PDB file of N, CA and C in Angstrom:
ATOM      1  N   MET A   1     -57.515  68.867 163.300  1.00  0.00           N
ATOM      2  CA  MET A   1     -57.329  68.592 164.531  1.00  0.00           C
ATOM      3  C   MET A   1     -58.523  67.599 165.360  1.00  0.00           C
ATOM      4  N   GLU A   2     -59.440  67.726 165.629  1.00  0.00           N
ATOM      5  CA  GLU A   2     -60.806  67.254 166.751  1.00  0.00           C
ATOM      6  C   GLU A   2     -60.594  66.252 165.630  1.00  0.00           C
ATOM      7  N   ILE A   3     -60.647  65.899 164.366  1.00  0.00           N
ATOM      8  CA  ILE A   3     -60.969  64.817 163.540  1.00  0.00           C
ATOM      9  C   ILE A   3     -59.863  63.575 164.254  1.00  0.00           C
ATOM     10  N   GLY A   4     -58.864  64.197 163.841  1.00  0.00           N
ATOM     11  CA  GLY A   4     -57.272  63.181 164.336  1.00  0.00           C
ATOM     12  C   GLY A   4     -57.873  62.411 165.553  1.00  0.00           C
ATOM     13  N   ILE A   5     -58.413  63.762 166.500  1.00  0.00           N
ATOM     14  CA  ILE A   5     -58.103  63.099 168.164  1.00  0.00           C
ATOM     15  C   ILE A   5     -59.534  62.381 168.312  1.00  0.00           C
ATOM     16  N   SER A   6     -60.502  62.049 167.734  1.00  0.00           N
ATOM     17  CA  SER A   6     -61.872  61.623 167.850  1.00  0.00           C
ATOM     18  C   SER A   6     -61.733  59.857 166.742  1.00  0.00           C
ATOM     19  N   ILE A   7     -61.217  59.961 165.550  1.00  0.00           N
ATOM     20  CA  ILE A   7     -60.864  58.550 165.675  1.00  0.00           C
ATOM     21  C   ILE A   7     -59.116  58.086 166.788  1.00  0.00           C
ATOM     22  N   ALA A   8     -58.708  58.803 166.972  1.00  0.00           N
ATOM     23  CA  ALA A   8     -57.863  58.010 168.453  1.00  0.00           C
ATOM     24  C   ALA A   8     -58.469  57.689 169.218  1.00  0.00           C
ATOM     25  N   LEU A   9     -59.503  58.234 169.421  1.00  0.00           N
ATOM     26  CA  LEU A   9     -60.782  58.122 170.825  1.00  0.00           C
ATOM     27  C   LEU A   9     -61.196  56.991 170.653  1.00  0.00           C
ATOM     28  N   ILE A  10     -61.712  56.517 169.307  1.00  0.00           N
ATOM     29  CA  ILE A  10     -62.914  55.678 169.161  1.00  0.00           C
ATOM     30  C   ILE A  10     -61.816  54.310 168.758  1.00  0.00           C
ATOM     31  N   LEU A  11     -60.491  54.750 168.534  1.00  0.00           N
ATOM     32  CA  LEU A  11     -59.458  53.278 168.768  1.00  0.00           C
ATOM     33  C   LEU A  11     -59.237  52.970 169.726  1.00  0.00           C
ATOM     34  N   ALA A  12     -59.138  54.211 170.088  1.00  0.00           N
ATOM     35  CA  ALA A  12     -58.743  53.656 172.208  1.00  0.00           C
ATOM     36  C   ALA A  12     -60.024  53.087 172.882  1.00  0.00           C
ATOM     37  N   SER A  13     -60.730  53.194 172.474  1.00  0.00           N
ATOM     38  CA  SER A  13     -61.889  52.817 172.895  1.00  0.00           C
ATOM     39  C   SER A  13     -62.442  51.116 172.668  1.00  0.00           C
ATOM     40  N   GLY A  14     -62.102  50.745 171.038  1.00  0.00           N
ATOM     41  CA  GLY A  14     -61.835  49.723 170.926  1.00  0.00           C
ATOM     42  C   GLY A  14     -61.142  48.548 171.751  1.00  0.00           C
ATOM     43  N   LEU A  15     -59.783  49.150 171.651  1.00  0.00           N
ATOM     44  CA  LEU A  15     -58.376  48.474 172.142  1.00  0.00           C
ATOM     45  C   LEU A  15     -59.269  48.056 173.868  1.00  0.00           C
ATOM     46  N   MET A  16     -59.097  49.327 174.524  1.00  0.00           N
ATOM     47  CA  MET A  16     -59.719  48.721 175.812  1.00  0.00           C
ATOM     48  C   MET A  16     -61.099  48.414 176.163  1.00  0.00           C
ATOM     49  N   ILE A  17     -62.148  47.805 175.363  1.00  0.00           N
ATOM     50  CA  ILE A  17     -63.211  47.304 175.621  1.00  0.00           C
ATOM     51  C   ILE A  17     -62.362  45.534 175.401  1.00  0.00           C
ATOM     52  N   LEU A  18     -61.433  45.872 174.391  1.00  0.00           N
ATOM     53  CA  LEU A  18     -60.476  44.203 173.747  1.00  0.00           C
ATOM     54  C   LEU A  18     -59.829  43.863 174.839  1.00  0.00           C
ATOM     55  N   LEU A  19     -58.474  44.823 175.375  1.00  0.00           N
ATOM     56  CA  LEU A  19     -58.144  44.360 176.922  1.00  0.00           C
ATOM     57  C   LEU A  19     -58.691  43.971 177.735  1.00  0.00           C
ATOM     58  N   VAL A  20     -59.487  44.589 178.611  1.00  0.00           N
ATOM     59  CA  VAL A  20     -60.548  44.389 179.628  1.00  0.00           C
ATOM     60  C   VAL A  20     -61.074  42.901 179.146  1.00  0.00           C
ATOM     61  N   LEU A  21     -61.519  42.509 178.375  1.00  0.00           N
ATOM     62  CA  LEU A  21     -62.225  41.282 178.003  1.00  0.00           C
ATOM     63  C   LEU A  21     -61.221  40.205 178.393  1.00  0.00           C
ATOM     64  N   LEU A  22     -59.530  40.605 177.579  1.00  0.00           N
ATOM     65  CA  LEU A  22     -58.892  39.678 177.773  1.00  0.00           C
ATOM     66  C   LEU A  22     -58.555  39.389 179.487  1.00  0.00           C
ATOM     67  N   HIS A  23     -58.695  40.590 180.541  1.00  0.00           N
ATOM     68  CA  HIS A  23     -57.859  40.022 181.000  1.00  0.00           C
ATOM     69  C   HIS A  23     -58.476  39.180 182.284  1.00  0.00           C
ATOM     70  N   LYS A  24     -58.052  38.421 183.427  1.00  0.00           N
ATOM     71  CA  LYS A  24     -58.330  36.900 183.465  1.00  0.00           C
ATOM     72  C   LYS A  24     -59.695  37.625 184.686  1.00  0.00           C
ATOM     73  N   GLY A  25     -60.374  36.475 184.889  1.00  0.00           N
ATOM     74  CA  GLY A  25     -61.603  37.035 185.695  1.00  0.00           C
ATOM     75  C   GLY A  25     -61.200  36.780 187.036  1.00  0.00           C
ATOM     76  N   LYS A  26     -61.821  37.302 187.975  1.00  0.00           N
ATOM     77  CA  LYS A  26     -61.671  36.695 189.306  1.00  0.00           C
ATOM     78  C   LYS A  26     -62.569  35.840 189.892  1.00  0.00           C
ATOM     79  N   GLY A  27     -63.987  36.045 188.966  1.00  0.00           N
ATOM     80  CA  GLY A  27     -64.966  35.104 189.496  1.00  0.00           C
ATOM     81  C   GLY A  27     -66.213  34.918 188.261  1.00  0.00           C
ATOM     82  N   GLY A  28     -67.364  34.459 188.471  1.00  0.00           N
ATOM     83  CA  GLY A  28     -68.229  34.151 187.161  1.00  0.00           C
ATOM     84  C   GLY A  28     -68.794  35.861 187.138  1.00  0.00           C
ATOM     85  N   GLY A  29     -68.565  35.713 185.379  1.00  0.00           N
ATOM     86  CA  GLY A  29     -68.851  37.291 184.754  1.00  0.00           C
ATOM     87  C   GLY A  29     -69.085  36.921 183.658  1.00  0.00           C
ATOM     88  N   LEU A  30     -68.615  38.397 182.881  1.00  0.00           N
ATOM     89  CA  LEU A  30     -68.609  38.628 181.109  1.00  0.00           C
ATOM     90  C   LEU A  30     -67.415  38.026 180.692  1.00  0.00           C
ATOM     91  N   SER A  31     -66.302  38.850 182.280  1.00  0.00           N
ATOM     92  CA  SER A  31     -64.721  38.756 181.459  1.00  0.00           C
ATOM     93  C   SER A  31     -64.523  37.029 181.135  1.00  0.00           C
ATOM     94  N   ASP A  32     -65.066  36.128 181.881  1.00  0.00           N
ATOM     95  CA  ASP A  32     -65.408  34.519 181.795  1.00  0.00           C
ATOM     96  C   ASP A  32     -65.837  33.633 180.692  1.00  0.00           C
ATOM     97  N   MET A  33     -67.113  34.757 180.466  1.00  0.00           N
ATOM     98  CA  MET A  33     -67.903  33.947 179.142  1.00  0.00           C
ATOM     99  C   MET A  33     -66.914  34.701 178.025  1.00  0.00           C
ATOM    100  N   PHE A  34     -66.873  36.106 177.927  1.00  0.00           N
ATOM    101  CA  PHE A  34     -66.069  36.579 176.350  1.00  0.00           C
ATOM    102  C   PHE A  34     -64.291  36.276 176.480  1.00  0.00           C
ATOM    103  N   GLY A  35     -63.700  36.621 177.627  1.00  0.00           N
ATOM    104  CA  GLY A  35     -62.483  36.665 177.725  1.00  0.00           C
ATOM    105  C   GLY A  35     -61.258  35.486 178.566  1.00  0.00           C
ATOM    106  N   GLY A  36     -62.742  34.728 179.050  1.00  0.00           N
ATOM    107  CA  GLY A  36     -61.912  33.547 179.768  1.00  0.00           C
ATOM    108  C   GLY A  36     -61.281  32.363 179.569  1.00  0.00           C
ATOM    109  N   GLY A  37     -61.763  32.041 178.485  1.00  0.00           N
ATOM    110  CA  GLY A  37     -61.293  30.920 177.218  1.00  0.00           C
ATOM    111  C   GLY A  37     -59.949  31.675 176.431  1.00  0.00           C
ATOM    112  N   PHE A  38     -59.532  32.841 176.252  1.00  0.00           N
ATOM    113  CA  PHE A  38     -58.705  33.091 175.490  1.00  0.00           C
ATOM    114  C   PHE A  38     -58.207  33.135 176.887  1.00  0.00           C
ATOM    115  N   SER A  39     -58.060  34.391 177.502  1.00  0.00           N
ATOM    116  CA  SER A  39     -56.832  34.500 178.600  1.00  0.00           C
ATOM    117  C   SER A  39     -56.354  33.535 179.519  1.00  0.00           C
ATOM    118  N   SER A  40     -56.930  32.391 179.443  1.00  0.00           N
ATOM    119  CA  SER A  40     -56.649  31.034 180.027  1.00  0.00           C
ATOM    120  C   SER A  40     -55.382  30.660 179.515  1.00  0.00           C
ATOM    121  N   ASN A  41     -55.363  30.710 178.410  1.00  0.00           N
ATOM    122  CA  ASN A  41     -54.300  29.761 177.386  1.00  0.00           C
ATOM    123  C   ASN A  41     -52.916  30.646 177.724  1.00  0.00           C
ATOM    124  N   PHE A  42     -53.036  31.676 177.973  1.00  0.00           N
ATOM    125  CA  PHE A  42     -52.036  32.588 178.286  1.00  0.00           C
ATOM    126  C   PHE A  42     -52.034  33.426 179.691  1.00  0.00           C
ATOM    127  N   GLY A  43     -52.538  32.688 180.198  1.00  0.00           N
ATOM    128  CA  GLY A  43     -52.817  33.030 181.736  1.00  0.00           C
ATOM    129  C   GLY A  43     -51.619  32.952 182.628  1.00  0.00           C
ATOM    130  N   GLY A  44     -51.175  31.752 182.183  1.00  0.00           N
ATOM    131  CA  GLY A  44     -50.571  30.932 182.963  1.00  0.00           C
ATOM    132  C   GLY A  44     -48.933  31.966 183.308  1.00  0.00           C
ATOM    133  N   SER A  45     -48.856  32.922 182.286  1.00  0.00           N
ATOM    134  CA  SER A  45     -47.473  33.294 182.794  1.00  0.00           C
ATOM    135  C   SER A  45     -47.480  34.659 183.199  1.00  0.00           C
ATOM    136  N   SER A  46     -47.470  35.102 184.349  1.00  0.00           N
ATOM    137  CA  SER A  46     -46.949  36.334 184.629  1.00  0.00           C
ATOM    138  C   SER A  46     -46.203  37.508 183.882  1.00  0.00           C
ATOM    139  N   VAL A  47     -45.312  36.991 183.043  1.00  0.00           N
ATOM    140  CA  VAL A  47     -44.790  38.359 182.013  1.00  0.00           C
ATOM    141  C   VAL A  47     -46.023  38.716 181.674  1.00  0.00           C
ATOM    142  N   VAL A  48     -46.823  38.139 180.610  1.00  0.00           N
ATOM    143  CA  VAL A  48     -47.872  37.824 179.567  1.00  0.00           C
ATOM    144  C   VAL A  48     -49.003  39.354 180.873  1.00  0.00           C
ATOM    145  N   GLU A  49     -49.491  38.573 181.940  1.00  0.00           N
ATOM    146  CA  GLU A  49     -50.642  39.682 182.581  1.00  0.00           C
ATOM    147  C   GLU A  49     -50.318  40.940 182.957  1.00  0.00           C
ATOM    148  N   ARG A  50     -48.801  40.848 183.382  1.00  0.00           N
ATOM    149  CA  ARG A  50     -47.766  42.550 183.445  1.00  0.00           C
ATOM    150  C   ARG A  50     -48.022  43.286 182.444  1.00  0.00           C
ATOM    151  N   ASN A  51     -47.609  42.818 181.228  1.00  0.00           N
ATOM    152  CA  ASN A  51     -47.735  43.383 180.043  1.00  0.00           C
ATOM    153  C   ASN A  51     -49.198  43.635 179.230  1.00  0.00           C
ATOM    154  N   LEU A  52     -50.213  43.046 180.332  1.00  0.00           N
ATOM    155  CA  LEU A  52     -51.510  43.039 179.481  1.00  0.00           C
ATOM    156  C   LEU A  52     -51.652  44.611 180.265  1.00  0.00           C
ATOM    157  N   ASP A  53     -51.504  44.097 181.660  1.00  0.00           N
ATOM    158  CA  ASP A  53     -51.600  45.190 182.660  1.00  0.00           C
ATOM    159  C   ASP A  53     -51.105  46.535 182.278  1.00  0.00           C
ATOM    160  N   ARG A  54     -49.762  46.498 181.974  1.00  0.00           N
ATOM    161  CA  ARG A  54     -49.437  47.921 181.113  1.00  0.00           C
ATOM    162  C   ARG A  54     -49.989  48.415 180.099  1.00  0.00           C
ATOM    163  N   LEU A  55     -50.180  47.440 179.198  1.00  0.00           N
ATOM    164  CA  LEU A  55     -50.733  48.022 177.925  1.00  0.00           C
ATOM    165  C   LEU A  55     -52.517  48.756 178.337  1.00  0.00           C
ATOM    166  N   THR A  56     -53.001  47.531 179.428  1.00  0.00           N
ATOM    167  CA  THR A  56     -54.271  48.272 179.697  1.00  0.00           C
ATOM    168  C   THR A  56     -54.380  50.019 180.032  1.00  0.00           C
ATOM    169  N   VAL A  57     -53.346  50.190 180.998  1.00  0.00           N
ATOM    170  CA  VAL A  57     -52.764  51.179 181.411  1.00  0.00           C
ATOM    171  C   VAL A  57     -52.610  52.242 180.375  1.00  0.00           C
ATOM    172  N   ILE A  58     -51.875  51.885 179.861  1.00  0.00           N
ATOM    173  CA  ILE A  58     -51.426  52.727 178.529  1.00  0.00           C
ATOM    174  C   ILE A  58     -52.700  53.435 177.759  1.00  0.00           C
ATOM    175  N   THR A  59     -53.769  52.403 177.123  1.00  0.00           N
ATOM    176  CA  THR A  59     -54.776  52.984 176.536  1.00  0.00           C
ATOM    177  C   THR A  59     -55.242  54.117 177.508  1.00  0.00           C
ATOM    178  N   GLY A  60     -55.683  53.521 178.408  1.00  0.00           N
ATOM    179  CA  GLY A  60     -56.607  54.158 179.489  1.00  0.00           C
ATOM    180  C   GLY A  60     -56.558  55.644 179.559  1.00  0.00           C
ATOM    181  N   THR A  61     -55.180  55.455 179.337  1.00  0.00           N
ATOM    182  CA  THR A  61     -54.427  57.165 179.777  1.00  0.00           C
ATOM    183  C   THR A  61     -54.395  57.767 178.044  1.00  0.00           C
ATOM    184  N   ILE A  62     -54.030  57.006 177.488  1.00  0.00           N
ATOM    185  CA  ILE A  62     -54.790  57.789 176.200  1.00  0.00           C
ATOM    186  C   ILE A  62     -55.781  57.860 175.806  1.00  0.00           C
ATOM    187  N   TRP A  63     -56.713  57.443 175.807  1.00  0.00           N
ATOM    188  CA  TRP A  63     -58.066  57.500 175.801  1.00  0.00           C
ATOM    189  C   TRP A  63     -58.627  58.898 176.718  1.00  0.00           C
ATOM    190  N   PHE A  64     -57.981  58.775 178.207  1.00  0.00           N
ATOM    191  CA  PHE A  64     -58.510  59.986 178.877  1.00  0.00           C
ATOM    192  C   PHE A  64     -57.951  61.136 178.338  1.00  0.00           C
ATOM    193  N   VAL A  65     -56.456  61.463 178.210  1.00  0.00           N
ATOM    194  CA  VAL A  65     -56.232  62.480 177.121  1.00  0.00           C
ATOM    195  C   VAL A  65     -57.279  62.509 176.098  1.00  0.00           C
ATOM    196  N   CYS A  66     -57.419  61.833 175.425  1.00  0.00           N
ATOM    197  CA  CYS A  66     -58.302  61.865 173.936  1.00  0.00           C
ATOM    198  C   CYS A  66     -59.540  62.739 174.547  1.00  0.00           C
ATOM    199  N   ILE A  67     -60.063  62.157 175.673  1.00  0.00           N
ATOM    200  CA  ILE A  67     -61.060  63.082 175.887  1.00  0.00           C
ATOM    201  C   ILE A  67     -61.395  64.392 176.548  1.00  0.00           C
ATOM    202  N   ILE A  68     -60.217  64.779 177.333  1.00  0.00           N
ATOM    203  CA  ILE A  68     -59.500  65.606 178.068  1.00  0.00           C
ATOM    204  C   ILE A  68     -59.457  66.905 177.026  1.00  0.00           C
ATOM    205  N   ALA A  69     -58.711  66.255 175.623  1.00  0.00           N
ATOM    206  CA  ALA A  69     -58.156  67.362 174.411  1.00  0.00           C
ATOM    207  C   ALA A  69     -59.445  67.423 173.919  1.00  0.00           C
ATOM    208  N   LEU A  70     -60.710  66.363 173.439  1.00  0.00           N
ATOM    209  CA  LEU A  70     -61.998  66.986 172.904  1.00  0.00           C
ATOM    210  C   LEU A  70     -62.497  68.319 173.285  1.00  0.00           C
ATOM    211  N   GLY A  71     -62.864  67.843 174.914  1.00  0.00           N
ATOM    212  CA  GLY A  71     -63.677  68.819 175.848  1.00  0.00           C
ATOM    213  C   GLY A  71     -63.240  70.258 175.647  1.00  0.00           C
ATOM    214  N   LEU A  72     -61.531  69.909 175.688  1.00  0.00           N
ATOM    215  CA  LEU A  72     -61.428  71.775 175.740  1.00  0.00           C
ATOM    216  C   LEU A  72     -61.106  72.427 174.190  1.00  0.00           C
ATOM    217  N   LEU A  73     -61.168  71.200 172.963  1.00  0.00           N
ATOM    218  CA  LEU A  73     -61.377  71.848 171.508  1.00  0.00           C
ATOM    219  C   LEU A  73     -62.703  72.491 171.024  1.00  0.00           C
ATOM    220  N   MET A  74     -63.528  71.494 171.959  1.00  0.00           N
ATOM    221  CA  MET A  74     -64.940  72.095 171.638  1.00  0.00           C
ATOM    222  C   MET A  74     -65.752  72.888 172.287  1.00  0.00           C
ATOM    223  N   LYS A  75     -64.889  73.219 173.290  1.00  0.00           N
ATOM    224  CA  LYS A  75     -65.109  74.783 174.654  1.00  0.00           C
ATOM    225  C   LYS A  75     -65.456  76.253 173.922  1.00  0.00           C
ATOM    226  N   PRO A  76     -66.417  76.331 173.787  1.00  0.00           N
ATOM    227  CA  PRO A  76     -66.602  77.873 173.173  1.00  0.00           C
ATOM    228  C   PRO A  76     -66.030  78.813 173.232  1.00  0.00           C
TER     229      PRO A  76
END
């Protein structure tokens, strides 16, 4: 059980990093350096931005649930 949750946590963490970098930056910074060029191609559509926001929130929720579940399972 712990191994499955740990794998889900690792996958959610990697996906979360990717999704955050894909967001359109509001100023200079890491989001413009890494994700700015890629997201500018897809950033014109507000539907894509909304779907990216939803996917980021869902991934963050999965990440949070995995952290709580692992914390409860490792409790002595």
